Amino acid sequence: MRRKTPPPGFIARVVVTGDEEVVLLEWDASAPEPPKTPLSPAEGEVLALVRKGRSNAQIAAARKVSLRTVANQVAQILRKTGASSRYGLMAVAIPREEKD
């Protein structure tokens, strides 16, 4: 069985019960704080769709924007969060811009 490393900010803990081995992901309390730069509302929407496993093309179709716009927004989200991949975005707690 091939094992993957847990996403950034998580610790994998293996629990063995009888013949079964279960891997639990737990938040790493020593992980760095979330970024101080908030995401725009549009970036928050894109992030929610990325977290659901949607491709850039699916996100563009759902939001009725160009594929290039989505690619730029994903790049901005990665930069703001410090995540190195879409997979890494699953573990990031994101502060959003607050409306007045």
N, C-alpha and C. Protein backbone atom coordinates (compact mmCIF):
# COMPACT_ATOMS: atom_id res chain seq x y z
N MET A 1 0.84 -1.17 0.00
CA MET A 1 0.00 0.00 0.00
C MET A 1 0.89 1.24 0.00
N ARG A 2 0.61 2.16 -0.90
CA ARG A 2 1.39 3.40 -0.99
C ARG A 2 0.81 4.41 -0.01
N ARG A 3 1.67 5.00 0.79
CA ARG A 3 1.23 5.99 1.77
C ARG A 3 1.58 7.38 1.27
N LYS A 4 0.68 8.30 1.52
CA LYS A 4 0.91 9.71 1.18
C LYS A 4 1.19 10.47 2.45
N THR A 5 1.90 11.55 2.32
CA THR A 5 2.13 12.40 3.49
C THR A 5 0.88 13.24 3.72
N PRO A 6 0.60 13.58 4.96
CA PRO A 6 -0.59 14.39 5.22
C PRO A 6 -0.43 15.80 4.68
N PRO A 7 -1.54 16.48 4.43
CA PRO A 7 -1.46 17.85 3.94
C PRO A 7 -0.81 18.75 5.00
N PRO A 8 -0.28 19.89 4.55
CA PRO A 8 0.35 20.81 5.50
C PRO A 8 -0.62 21.19 6.62
N GLY A 9 -0.13 21.22 7.84
CA GLY A 9 -0.95 21.59 8.98
C GLY A 9 -1.61 20.42 9.67
N PHE A 10 -1.45 19.23 9.13
CA PHE A 10 -2.05 18.05 9.73
C PHE A 10 -0.98 17.03 10.12
N ILE A 11 -1.31 16.21 11.09
CA ILE A 11 -0.45 15.11 11.52
C ILE A 11 -1.26 13.83 11.30
N ALA A 12 -0.61 12.83 10.71
CA ALA A 12 -1.28 11.55 10.52
C ALA A 12 -1.00 10.68 11.75
N ARG A 13 -2.07 10.10 12.29
CA ARG A 13 -1.93 9.20 13.42
C ARG A 13 -2.56 7.87 13.01
N VAL A 14 -1.80 6.78 13.18
CA VAL A 14 -2.29 5.46 12.81
C VAL A 14 -2.87 4.77 14.04
N VAL A 15 -4.08 4.28 13.89
CA VAL A 15 -4.76 3.56 14.96
C VAL A 15 -4.97 2.13 14.46
N VAL A 16 -4.50 1.16 15.24
CA VAL A 16 -4.66 -0.24 14.87
C VAL A 16 -5.71 -0.86 15.78
N THR A 17 -6.74 -1.43 15.14
CA THR A 17 -7.78 -2.13 15.90
C THR A 17 -7.95 -3.51 15.28
N GLY A 18 -7.50 -4.51 16.00
CA GLY A 18 -7.57 -5.88 15.46
C GLY A 18 -6.72 -6.00 14.22
N ASP A 19 -7.33 -6.34 13.11
CA ASP A 19 -6.61 -6.50 11.84
C ASP A 19 -6.65 -5.23 10.99
N GLU A 20 -7.35 -4.21 11.45
CA GLU A 20 -7.48 -3.00 10.65
C GLU A 20 -6.53 -1.90 11.11
N GLU A 21 -6.07 -1.14 10.15
CA GLU A 21 -5.21 0.00 10.41
C GLU A 21 -5.91 1.23 9.84
N VAL A 22 -6.19 2.19 10.69
CA VAL A 22 -6.90 3.41 10.27
C VAL A 22 -5.97 4.60 10.46
N VAL A 23 -5.92 5.46 9.46
CA VAL A 23 -5.11 6.67 9.55
C VAL A 23 -6.03 7.85 9.83
N LEU A 24 -5.79 8.53 10.93
CA LEU A 24 -6.56 9.70 11.31
C LEU A 24 -5.72 10.95 11.07
N LEU A 25 -6.35 11.97 10.52
CA LEU A 25 -5.66 13.25 10.34
C LEU A 25 -6.09 14.18 11.45
N GLU A 26 -5.11 14.76 12.13
CA GLU A 26 -5.38 15.70 13.21
C GLU A 26 -4.67 17.00 12.91
N TRP A 27 -5.29 18.11 13.29
CA TRP A 27 -4.67 19.42 13.09
C TRP A 27 -3.42 19.52 13.96
N ASP A 28 -2.35 19.97 13.38
CA ASP A 28 -1.09 20.14 14.08
C ASP A 28 -1.11 21.50 14.78
N ALA A 29 -1.20 21.51 16.09
CA ALA A 29 -1.27 22.76 16.84
C ALA A 29 -0.02 23.62 16.68
N SER A 30 1.09 22.99 16.28
CA SER A 30 2.32 23.76 16.08
C SER A 30 2.42 24.32 14.67
N ALA A 31 1.40 24.09 13.84
CA ALA A 31 1.42 24.60 12.46
C ALA A 31 1.38 26.12 12.48
N PRO A 32 1.94 26.75 11.45
CA PRO A 32 1.94 28.21 11.40
C PRO A 32 0.52 28.77 11.33
N GLU A 33 0.38 29.97 11.78
CA GLU A 33 -0.90 30.66 11.75
C GLU A 33 -1.34 30.87 10.29
N PRO A 34 -2.64 31.01 10.07
CA PRO A 34 -3.10 31.29 8.71
C PRO A 34 -2.59 32.64 8.25
N PRO A 35 -2.60 32.88 6.96
CA PRO A 35 -2.06 34.14 6.44
C PRO A 35 -2.86 35.34 6.92
N LYS A 36 -2.19 36.46 6.99
CA LYS A 36 -2.84 37.69 7.43
C LYS A 36 -3.58 38.38 6.28
N THR A 37 -3.21 38.07 5.04
CA THR A 37 -3.85 38.67 3.89
C THR A 37 -5.16 37.96 3.62
N PRO A 38 -6.28 38.63 3.77
CA PRO A 38 -7.57 37.96 3.56
C PRO A 38 -7.83 37.70 2.09
N LEU A 39 -8.65 36.71 1.83
CA LEU A 39 -9.07 36.43 0.47
C LEU A 39 -10.25 37.32 0.12
N SER A 40 -10.33 37.68 -1.15
CA SER A 40 -11.50 38.43 -1.62
C SER A 40 -12.70 37.48 -1.63
N PRO A 41 -13.90 38.01 -1.71
CA PRO A 41 -15.07 37.13 -1.80
C PRO A 41 -14.99 36.17 -2.99
N ALA A 42 -14.52 36.65 -4.12
CA ALA A 42 -14.39 35.79 -5.31
C ALA A 42 -13.37 34.68 -5.06
N GLU A 43 -12.25 35.01 -4.42
CA GLU A 43 -11.25 34.00 -4.10
C GLU A 43 -11.79 32.98 -3.11
N GLY A 44 -12.62 33.45 -2.17
CA GLY A 44 -13.25 32.54 -1.22
C GLY A 44 -14.16 31.54 -1.92
N GLU A 45 -14.91 32.01 -2.93
CA GLU A 45 -15.77 31.12 -3.71
C GLU A 45 -14.94 30.09 -4.47
N VAL A 46 -13.85 30.56 -5.08
CA VAL A 46 -12.98 29.65 -5.83
C VAL A 46 -12.36 28.62 -4.89
N LEU A 47 -11.91 29.07 -3.74
CA LEU A 47 -11.32 28.15 -2.78
C LEU A 47 -12.32 27.07 -2.36
N ALA A 48 -13.56 27.46 -2.12
CA ALA A 48 -14.58 26.48 -1.73
C ALA A 48 -14.75 25.42 -2.82
N LEU A 49 -14.70 25.84 -4.08
CA LEU A 49 -14.84 24.89 -5.18
C LEU A 49 -13.60 24.03 -5.35
N VAL A 50 -12.42 24.61 -5.13
CA VAL A 50 -11.17 23.83 -5.17
C VAL A 50 -11.22 22.75 -4.10
N ARG A 51 -11.69 23.11 -2.92
CA ARG A 51 -11.77 22.15 -1.82
C ARG A 51 -12.77 21.03 -2.10
N LYS A 52 -13.71 21.27 -3.00
CA LYS A 52 -14.65 20.21 -3.40
C LYS A 52 -14.09 19.35 -4.53
N GLY A 53 -12.85 19.65 -4.95
CA GLY A 53 -12.21 18.85 -5.97
C GLY A 53 -12.50 19.27 -7.40
N ARG A 54 -13.04 20.46 -7.59
CA ARG A 54 -13.39 20.92 -8.93
C ARG A 54 -12.14 21.35 -9.69
N SER A 55 -12.13 21.14 -10.98
CA SER A 55 -11.03 21.57 -11.84
C SER A 55 -11.22 23.05 -12.17
N ASN A 56 -10.19 23.68 -12.72
CA ASN A 56 -10.31 25.08 -13.13
C ASN A 56 -11.42 25.26 -14.14
N ALA A 57 -11.54 24.32 -15.08
CA ALA A 57 -12.58 24.41 -16.11
C ALA A 57 -13.97 24.32 -15.48
N GLN A 58 -14.14 23.44 -14.52
CA GLN A 58 -15.44 23.31 -13.84
C GLN A 58 -15.76 24.57 -13.04
N ILE A 59 -14.75 25.13 -12.40
CA ILE A 59 -14.95 26.36 -11.62
C ILE A 59 -15.32 27.51 -12.55
N ALA A 60 -14.63 27.62 -13.68
CA ALA A 60 -14.92 28.69 -14.65
C ALA A 60 -16.36 28.58 -15.15
N ALA A 61 -16.80 27.37 -15.44
CA ALA A 61 -18.17 27.18 -15.93
C ALA A 61 -19.19 27.52 -14.84
N ALA A 62 -18.93 27.10 -13.62
CA ALA A 62 -19.86 27.35 -12.52
C ALA A 62 -19.96 28.84 -12.19
N ARG A 63 -18.84 29.54 -12.29
CA ARG A 63 -18.83 30.96 -11.93
C ARG A 63 -19.04 31.88 -13.13
N LYS A 64 -19.11 31.30 -14.32
CA LYS A 64 -19.32 32.06 -15.56
C LYS A 64 -18.23 33.10 -15.79
N VAL A 65 -16.98 32.64 -15.61
CA VAL A 65 -15.81 33.48 -15.87
C VAL A 65 -14.86 32.69 -16.77
N SER A 66 -13.82 33.35 -17.23
CA SER A 66 -12.87 32.66 -18.11
C SER A 66 -11.96 31.72 -17.33
N LEU A 67 -11.42 30.76 -18.04
CA LEU A 67 -10.47 29.82 -17.45
C LEU A 67 -9.24 30.56 -16.94
N ARG A 68 -8.82 31.58 -17.66
CA ARG A 68 -7.65 32.38 -17.26
C ARG A 68 -7.92 33.11 -15.92
N THR A 69 -9.13 33.61 -15.76
CA THR A 69 -9.50 34.28 -14.50
C THR A 69 -9.38 33.31 -13.33
N VAL A 70 -9.89 32.11 -13.51
CA VAL A 70 -9.82 31.11 -12.44
C VAL A 70 -8.37 30.75 -12.15
N ALA A 71 -7.57 30.55 -13.19
CA ALA A 71 -6.15 30.22 -12.99
C ALA A 71 -5.45 31.32 -12.20
N ASN A 72 -5.76 32.57 -12.52
CA ASN A 72 -5.16 33.70 -11.78
C ASN A 72 -5.63 33.72 -10.33
N GLN A 73 -6.91 33.44 -10.10
CA GLN A 73 -7.43 33.44 -8.74
C GLN A 73 -6.82 32.31 -7.92
N VAL A 74 -6.67 31.14 -8.51
CA VAL A 74 -6.04 30.02 -7.80
C VAL A 74 -4.59 30.37 -7.46
N ALA A 75 -3.89 31.00 -8.39
CA ALA A 75 -2.50 31.41 -8.13
C ALA A 75 -2.44 32.42 -6.98
N GLN A 76 -3.39 33.37 -6.94
CA GLN A 76 -3.44 34.35 -5.85
C GLN A 76 -3.73 33.66 -4.51
N ILE A 77 -4.64 32.70 -4.51
CA ILE A 77 -4.98 31.98 -3.29
C ILE A 77 -3.76 31.22 -2.78
N LEU A 78 -3.04 30.57 -3.68
CA LEU A 78 -1.83 29.84 -3.28
C LEU A 78 -0.80 30.80 -2.69
N ARG A 79 -0.64 31.97 -3.33
CA ARG A 79 0.33 32.96 -2.83
C ARG A 79 -0.07 33.48 -1.46
N LYS A 80 -1.34 33.82 -1.30
CA LYS A 80 -1.81 34.40 -0.04
C LYS A 80 -1.76 33.39 1.11
N THR A 81 -2.01 32.13 0.82
CA THR A 81 -2.05 31.12 1.88
C THR A 81 -0.70 30.48 2.14
N GLY A 82 0.20 30.57 1.17
CA GLY A 82 1.49 29.91 1.32
C GLY A 82 1.43 28.42 1.00
N ALA A 83 0.27 27.96 0.54
CA ALA A 83 0.14 26.55 0.15
C ALA A 83 0.94 26.32 -1.13
N SER A 84 1.48 25.12 -1.27
CA SER A 84 2.30 24.83 -2.44
C SER A 84 1.51 24.13 -3.54
N SER A 85 0.29 23.72 -3.25
CA SER A 85 -0.52 23.01 -4.25
C SER A 85 -1.99 23.11 -3.89
N ARG A 86 -2.83 22.69 -4.82
CA ARG A 86 -4.27 22.66 -4.56
C ARG A 86 -4.56 21.72 -3.39
N TYR A 87 -3.82 20.63 -3.32
CA TYR A 87 -3.97 19.67 -2.23
C TYR A 87 -3.70 20.35 -0.89
N GLY A 88 -2.68 21.19 -0.86
CA GLY A 88 -2.32 21.90 0.36
C GLY A 88 -3.40 22.88 0.82
N LEU A 89 -4.25 23.32 -0.10
CA LEU A 89 -5.32 24.25 0.26
C LEU A 89 -6.37 23.60 1.14
N MET A 90 -6.42 22.29 1.16
CA MET A 90 -7.41 21.59 1.98
C MET A 90 -7.19 21.84 3.47
N ALA A 91 -5.95 22.15 3.86
CA ALA A 91 -5.62 22.28 5.28
C ALA A 91 -5.51 23.73 5.76
N VAL A 92 -5.76 24.67 4.88
CA VAL A 92 -5.53 26.07 5.24
C VAL A 92 -6.79 26.70 5.81
N ALA A 93 -6.66 27.32 6.97
CA ALA A 93 -7.75 28.11 7.53
C ALA A 93 -7.63 29.51 6.96
N ILE A 94 -8.67 30.00 6.37
CA ILE A 94 -8.58 31.24 5.61
C ILE A 94 -9.38 32.37 6.25
N PRO A 95 -8.70 33.49 6.57
CA PRO A 95 -9.46 34.67 6.98
C PRO A 95 -10.03 35.34 5.74
N ARG A 96 -11.26 35.78 5.80
CA ARG A 96 -11.89 36.44 4.65
C ARG A 96 -12.05 37.92 4.95
N GLU A 97 -12.15 38.70 3.87
CA GLU A 97 -12.39 40.12 4.06
C GLU A 97 -13.76 40.29 4.71
N GLU A 98 -13.82 41.14 5.70
CA GLU A 98 -15.11 41.37 6.36
C GLU A 98 -15.80 42.55 5.73
N LYS A 99 -17.10 42.40 5.53
CA LYS A 99 -17.89 43.50 4.96
C LYS A 99 -18.33 44.42 6.09
N ASP A 100 -18.30 45.71 5.82
CA ASP A 100 -18.73 46.69 6.83
C ASP A 100 -20.22 46.83 6.84
